[in-house]
């Protein structure tokens, strides 16, 4: 596993800087999108279960 990651890093370092930055940006966006979707799914499950916050009259 470690050798796989090391090789991946070596490949990245051989790429031009703008390509590395673009790949980092895409991967970062994917991580953020995944986290936001997980939060949204949790919120929808909570709403569908009817366990809204007591201080929120609209149950949001």
PDB file of N, CA and C in Angstrom:
ATOM      1  N   UNK A   1       0.831  -1.192   0.000  1.00  0.00           N
ATOM      2  CA  UNK A   1       0.000   0.000   0.000  1.00  0.00           C
ATOM      3  C   UNK A   1       0.872   1.250   0.000  1.00  0.00           C
ATOM      4  N   UNK A   2       1.877   1.275   0.867  1.00  0.00           N
ATOM      5  CA  UNK A   2       2.748   2.440   0.949  1.00  0.00           C
ATOM      6  C   UNK A   2       3.522   2.627  -0.348  1.00  0.00           C
ATOM      7  N   UNK A   3       3.988   1.527  -0.932  1.00  0.00           N
ATOM      8  CA  UNK A   3       4.731   1.645  -2.190  1.00  0.00           C
ATOM      9  C   UNK A   3       3.827   2.161  -3.302  1.00  0.00           C
ATOM     10  N   UNK A   4       2.562   1.782  -3.271  1.00  0.00           N
ATOM     11  CA  UNK A   4       1.607   2.283  -4.260  1.00  0.00           C
ATOM     12  C   UNK A   4       1.455   3.798  -4.131  1.00  0.00           C
ATOM     13  N   UNK A   5       1.319   4.280  -2.892  1.00  0.00           N
ATOM     14  CA  UNK A   5       1.187   5.719  -2.663  1.00  0.00           C
ATOM     15  C   UNK A   5       2.465   6.463  -3.037  1.00  0.00           C
ATOM     16  N   UNK A   6       3.604   5.864  -2.732  1.00  0.00           N
ATOM     17  CA  UNK A   6       4.878   6.488  -3.079  1.00  0.00           C
ATOM     18  C   UNK A   6       5.004   6.619  -4.591  1.00  0.00           C
ATOM     19  N   UNK A   7       4.640   5.574  -5.306  1.00  0.00           N
ATOM     20  CA  UNK A   7       4.708   5.622  -6.770  1.00  0.00           C
ATOM     21  C   UNK A   7       3.738   6.664  -7.323  1.00  0.00           C
ATOM     22  N   UNK A   8       2.570   6.752  -6.729  1.00  0.00           N
ATOM     23  CA  UNK A   8       1.594   7.749  -7.173  1.00  0.00           C
ATOM     24  C   UNK A   8       2.152   9.163  -6.968  1.00  0.00           C
ATOM     25  N   UNK A   9       2.810   9.388  -5.838  1.00  0.00           N
ATOM     26  CA  UNK A   9       3.430  10.693  -5.583  1.00  0.00           C
ATOM     27  C   UNK A   9       4.531  10.985  -6.598  1.00  0.00           C
ATOM     28  N   UNK A  10       5.343   9.990  -6.896  1.00  0.00           N
ATOM     29  CA  UNK A  10       6.409  10.185  -7.892  1.00  0.00           C
ATOM     30  C   UNK A  10       5.823  10.552  -9.253  1.00  0.00           C
ATOM     31  N   UNK A  11       4.751   9.881  -9.637  1.00  0.00           N
ATOM     32  CA  UNK A  11       4.106  10.200 -10.911  1.00  0.00           C
ATOM     33  C   UNK A  11       3.587  11.627 -10.911  1.00  0.00           C
ATOM     34  N   UNK A  12       2.983  12.026  -9.805  1.00  0.00           N
ATOM     35  CA  UNK A  12       2.458  13.388  -9.693  1.00  0.00           C
ATOM     36  C   UNK A  12       3.576  14.420  -9.819  1.00  0.00           C
ATOM     37  N   UNK A  13       4.715  14.144  -9.196  1.00  0.00           N
ATOM     38  CA  UNK A  13       5.810  15.106  -9.222  1.00  0.00           C
ATOM     39  C   UNK A  13       6.413  15.246 -10.615  1.00  0.00           C
ATOM     40  N   UNK A  14       6.254  14.239 -11.452  1.00  0.00           N
ATOM     41  CA  UNK A  14       6.752  14.324 -12.826  1.00  0.00           C
ATOM     42  C   UNK A  14       5.815  15.133 -13.723  1.00  0.00           C
ATOM     43  N   UNK A  15       4.580  15.327 -13.280  1.00  0.00           N
ATOM     44  CA  UNK A  15       3.616  16.096 -14.073  1.00  0.00           C
ATOM     45  C   UNK A  15       3.923  17.586 -13.959  1.00  0.00           C
ATOM     46  N   UNK A  16       3.527  18.363 -14.975  1.00  0.00           N
ATOM     47  CA  UNK A  16       3.690  19.822 -14.876  1.00  0.00           C
ATOM     48  C   UNK A  16       2.889  20.372 -13.694  1.00  0.00           C
ATOM     49  N   UNK A  17       3.331  21.506 -13.180  1.00  0.00           N
ATOM     50  CA  UNK A  17       2.721  22.093 -11.980  1.00  0.00           C
ATOM     51  C   UNK A  17       1.230  22.366 -12.172  1.00  0.00           C
ATOM     52  N   UNK A  18       0.843  22.942 -13.316  1.00  0.00           N
ATOM     53  CA  UNK A  18      -0.571  23.268 -13.523  1.00  0.00           C
ATOM     54  C   UNK A  18      -1.438  22.012 -13.554  1.00  0.00           C
ATOM     55  N   UNK A  19      -0.902  20.922 -14.050  1.00  0.00           N
ATOM     56  CA  UNK A  19      -1.650  19.662 -14.063  1.00  0.00           C
ATOM     57  C   UNK A  19      -1.846  19.151 -12.641  1.00  0.00           C
ATOM     58  N   UNK A  20      -0.802  19.259 -11.821  1.00  0.00           N
ATOM     59  CA  UNK A  20      -0.914  18.829 -10.418  1.00  0.00           C
ATOM     60  C   UNK A  20      -1.937  19.674  -9.684  1.00  0.00           C
ATOM     61  N   UNK A  21      -1.903  20.988  -9.904  1.00  0.00           N
ATOM     62  CA  UNK A  21      -2.851  21.873  -9.234  1.00  0.00           C
ATOM     63  C   UNK A  21      -4.282  21.563  -9.649  1.00  0.00           C
ATOM     64  N   UNK A  22      -4.470  21.322 -10.933  1.00  0.00           N
ATOM     65  CA  UNK A  22      -5.811  20.998 -11.420  1.00  0.00           C
ATOM     66  C   UNK A  22      -6.312  19.692 -10.808  1.00  0.00           C
ATOM     67  N   UNK A  23      -5.443  18.693 -10.716  1.00  0.00           N
ATOM     68  CA  UNK A  23      -5.821  17.406 -10.117  1.00  0.00           C
ATOM     69  C   UNK A  23      -6.147  17.585  -8.637  1.00  0.00           C
ATOM     70  N   UNK A  24      -5.333  18.383  -7.942  1.00  0.00           N
ATOM     71  CA  UNK A  24      -5.592  18.640  -6.528  1.00  0.00           C
ATOM     72  C   UNK A  24      -6.936  19.337  -6.350  1.00  0.00           C
ATOM     73  N   UNK A  25      -7.220  20.314  -7.206  1.00  0.00           N
ATOM     74  CA  UNK A  25      -8.481  21.050  -7.138  1.00  0.00           C
ATOM     75  C   UNK A  25      -9.667  20.105  -7.352  1.00  0.00           C
ATOM     76  N   UNK A  26      -9.577  19.237  -8.361  1.00  0.00           N
ATOM     77  CA  UNK A  26     -10.659  18.280  -8.633  1.00  0.00           C
ATOM     78  C   UNK A  26     -10.869  17.337  -7.460  1.00  0.00           C
ATOM     79  N   UNK A  27      -9.774  16.804  -6.916  1.00  0.00           N
ATOM     80  CA  UNK A  27      -9.888  15.872  -5.794  1.00  0.00           C
ATOM     81  C   UNK A  27     -10.448  16.569  -4.559  1.00  0.00           C
ATOM     82  N   UNK A  28     -10.018  17.801  -4.321  1.00  0.00           N
ATOM     83  CA  UNK A  28     -10.527  18.558  -3.170  1.00  0.00           C
ATOM     84  C   UNK A  28     -12.015  18.807  -3.319  1.00  0.00           C
ATOM     85  N   UNK A  29     -12.429  19.197  -4.510  1.00  0.00           N
ATOM     86  CA  UNK A  29     -13.855  19.425  -4.750  1.00  0.00           C
ATOM     87  C   UNK A  29     -14.657  18.153  -4.532  1.00  0.00           C
ATOM     88  N   UNK A  30     -14.129  17.032  -4.969  1.00  0.00           N
ATOM     89  CA  UNK A  30     -14.835  15.762  -4.799  1.00  0.00           C
ATOM     90  C   UNK A  30     -15.005  15.434  -3.317  1.00  0.00           C
ATOM     91  N   UNK A  31     -13.976  15.694  -2.517  1.00  0.00           N
ATOM     92  CA  UNK A  31     -14.064  15.423  -1.078  1.00  0.00           C
ATOM     93  C   UNK A  31     -15.117  16.314  -0.436  1.00  0.00           C
ATOM     94  N   UNK A  32     -15.108  17.598  -0.794  1.00  0.00           N
ATOM     95  CA  UNK A  32     -16.079  18.543  -0.230  1.00  0.00           C
ATOM     96  C   UNK A  32     -17.494  18.168  -0.660  1.00  0.00           C
ATOM     97  N   UNK A  33     -17.675  17.849  -1.944  1.00  0.00           N
ATOM     98  CA  UNK A  33     -18.998  17.465  -2.433  1.00  0.00           C
ATOM     99  C   UNK A  33     -19.512  16.223  -1.710  1.00  0.00           C
ATOM    100  N   UNK A  34     -18.631  15.248  -1.507  1.00  0.00           N
ATOM    101  CA  UNK A  34     -19.025  14.021  -0.815  1.00  0.00           C
ATOM    102  C   UNK A  34     -19.462  14.333   0.614  1.00  0.00           C
ATOM    103  N   UNK A  35     -18.710  15.187   1.305  1.00  0.00           N
ATOM    104  CA  UNK A  35     -19.057  15.548   2.686  1.00  0.00           C
ATOM    105  C   UNK A  35     -20.385  16.298   2.736  1.00  0.00           C
ATOM    106  N   UNK A  36     -20.595  17.217   1.789  1.00  0.00           N
ATOM    107  CA  UNK A  36     -21.852  17.962   1.760  1.00  0.00           C
ATOM    108  C   UNK A  36     -23.035  17.047   1.469  1.00  0.00           C
ATOM    109  N   UNK A  37     -22.851  16.112   0.554  1.00  0.00           N
ATOM    110  CA  UNK A  37     -23.925  15.169   0.249  1.00  0.00           C
ATOM    111  C   UNK A  37     -24.249  14.284   1.449  1.00  0.00           C
ATOM    112  N   UNK A  38     -23.221  13.857   2.172  1.00  0.00           N
ATOM    113  CA  UNK A  38     -23.467  13.046   3.370  1.00  0.00           C
ATOM    114  C   UNK A  38     -24.240  13.847   4.407  1.00  0.00           C
ATOM    115  N   UNK A  39     -23.870  15.123   4.595  1.00  0.00           N
ATOM    116  CA  UNK A  39     -24.603  15.981   5.534  1.00  0.00           C
ATOM    117  C   UNK A  39     -26.045  16.158   5.091  1.00  0.00           C
ATOM    118  N   UNK A  40     -26.244  16.360   3.793  1.00  0.00           N
ATOM    119  CA  UNK A  40     -27.590  16.540   3.262  1.00  0.00           C
ATOM    120  C   UNK A  40     -28.420  15.271   3.456  1.00  0.00           C
ATOM    121  N   UNK A  41     -27.816  14.121   3.188  1.00  0.00           N
ATOM    122  CA  UNK A  41     -28.527  12.857   3.391  1.00  0.00           C
ATOM    123  C   UNK A  41     -28.940  12.688   4.849  1.00  0.00           C
ATOM    124  N   UNK A  42     -28.033  13.013   5.763  1.00  0.00           N
ATOM    125  CA  UNK A  42     -28.361  12.920   7.194  1.00  0.00           C
ATOM    126  C   UNK A  42     -29.512  13.850   7.543  1.00  0.00           C
ATOM    127  N   UNK A  43     -29.478  15.054   7.008  1.00  0.00           N
ATOM    128  CA  UNK A  43     -30.531  16.036   7.289  1.00  0.00           C
ATOM    129  C   UNK A  43     -31.879  15.568   6.736  1.00  0.00           C
ATOM    130  N   UNK A  44     -31.876  15.018   5.529  1.00  0.00           N
ATOM    131  CA  UNK A  44     -33.118  14.522   4.928  1.00  0.00           C
ATOM    132  C   UNK A  44     -33.663  13.343   5.733  1.00  0.00           C
ATOM    133  N   UNK A  45     -32.776  12.426   6.143  1.00  0.00           N
ATOM    134  CA  UNK A  45     -33.223  11.295   6.969  1.00  0.00           C
ATOM    135  C   UNK A  45     -33.856  11.786   8.265  1.00  0.00           C
ATOM    136  N   UNK A  46     -33.221  12.774   8.890  1.00  0.00           N
ATOM    137  CA  UNK A  46     -33.735  13.318  10.144  1.00  0.00           C
ATOM    138  C   UNK A  46     -35.096  13.963   9.924  1.00  0.00           C
ATOM    139  N   UNK A  47     -35.229  14.708   8.833  1.00  0.00           N
ATOM    140  CA  UNK A  47     -36.507  15.361   8.543  1.00  0.00           C
ATOM    141  C   UNK A  47     -37.604  14.341   8.259  1.00  0.00           C
ATOM    142  N   UNK A  48     -37.272  13.322   7.493  1.00  0.00           N
ATOM    143  CA  UNK A  48     -38.263  12.298   7.172  1.00  0.00           C
ATOM    144  C   UNK A  48     -38.650  11.484   8.401  1.00  0.00           C
ATOM    145  N   UNK A  49     -37.737  11.380   9.351  1.00  0.00           N
ATOM    146  CA  UNK A  49     -38.039  10.656  10.585  1.00  0.00           C
ATOM    147  C   UNK A  49     -38.882  11.505  11.525  1.00  0.00           C
ATOM    148  N   UNK A  50     -39.002  12.803  11.231  1.00  0.00           N
ATOM    149  CA  UNK A  50     -39.831  13.680  12.045  1.00  0.00           C
ATOM    150  C   UNK A  50     -39.178  14.138  13.329  1.00  0.00           C
ATOM    151  N   UNK A  51     -37.873  14.078  13.390  1.00  0.00           N
ATOM    152  CA  UNK A  51     -37.190  14.500  14.613  1.00  0.00           C
ATOM    153  C   UNK A  51     -36.592  15.895  14.433  1.00  0.00           C
ATOM    154  N   UNK A  52     -37.448  16.864  14.146  1.00  0.00           N
ATOM    155  CA  UNK A  52     -36.984  18.237  13.994  1.00  0.00           C
ATOM    156  C   UNK A  52     -36.544  18.819  15.317  1.00  0.00           C
ATOM    157  N   UNK A  53     -35.792  19.887  15.243  1.00  0.00           N
ATOM    158  CA  UNK A  53     -35.344  20.549  16.471  1.00  0.00           C
ATOM    159  C   UNK A  53     -36.541  21.173  17.168  1.00  0.00           C
ATOM    160  N   UNK A  54     -36.602  21.103  18.488  1.00  0.00           N
ATOM    161  CA  UNK A  54     -37.746  21.667  19.218  1.00  0.00           C
ATOM    162  C   UNK A  54     -37.836  23.184  19.085  1.00  0.00           C
ATOM    163  N   UNK A  55     -36.721  23.854  18.833  1.00  0.00           N
ATOM    164  CA  UNK A  55     -36.741  25.312  18.708  1.00  0.00           C
ATOM    165  C   UNK A  55     -37.084  25.770  17.293  1.00  0.00           C
ATOM    166  N   UNK A  56     -37.365  24.834  16.405  1.00  0.00           N
ATOM    167  CA  UNK A  56     -37.662  25.170  15.017  1.00  0.00           C
ATOM    168  C   UNK A  56     -39.107  24.794  14.704  1.00  0.00           C
ATOM    169  N   UNK A  57     -40.013  25.775  14.621  1.00  0.00           N
ATOM    170  CA  UNK A  57     -41.426  25.460  14.391  1.00  0.00           C
ATOM    171  C   UNK A  57     -41.695  24.821  13.027  1.00  0.00           C
ATOM    172  N   UNK A  58     -40.789  25.015  12.074  1.00  0.00           N
ATOM    173  CA  UNK A  58     -40.984  24.437  10.738  1.00  0.00           C
ATOM    174  C   UNK A  58     -40.343  23.059  10.626  1.00  0.00           C
ATOM    175  N   UNK A  59     -39.715  22.599  11.692  1.00  0.00           N
ATOM    176  CA  UNK A  59     -39.041  21.290  11.730  1.00  0.00           C
ATOM    177  C   UNK A  59     -37.930  21.172  10.695  1.00  0.00           C
ATOM    178  N   UNK A  60     -37.286  22.252  10.437  1.00  0.00           N
ATOM    179  CA  UNK A  60     -36.138  22.209   9.536  1.00  0.00           C
ATOM    180  C   UNK A  60     -34.942  21.978  10.374  1.00  0.00           C
TER     181      UNK A  60
END
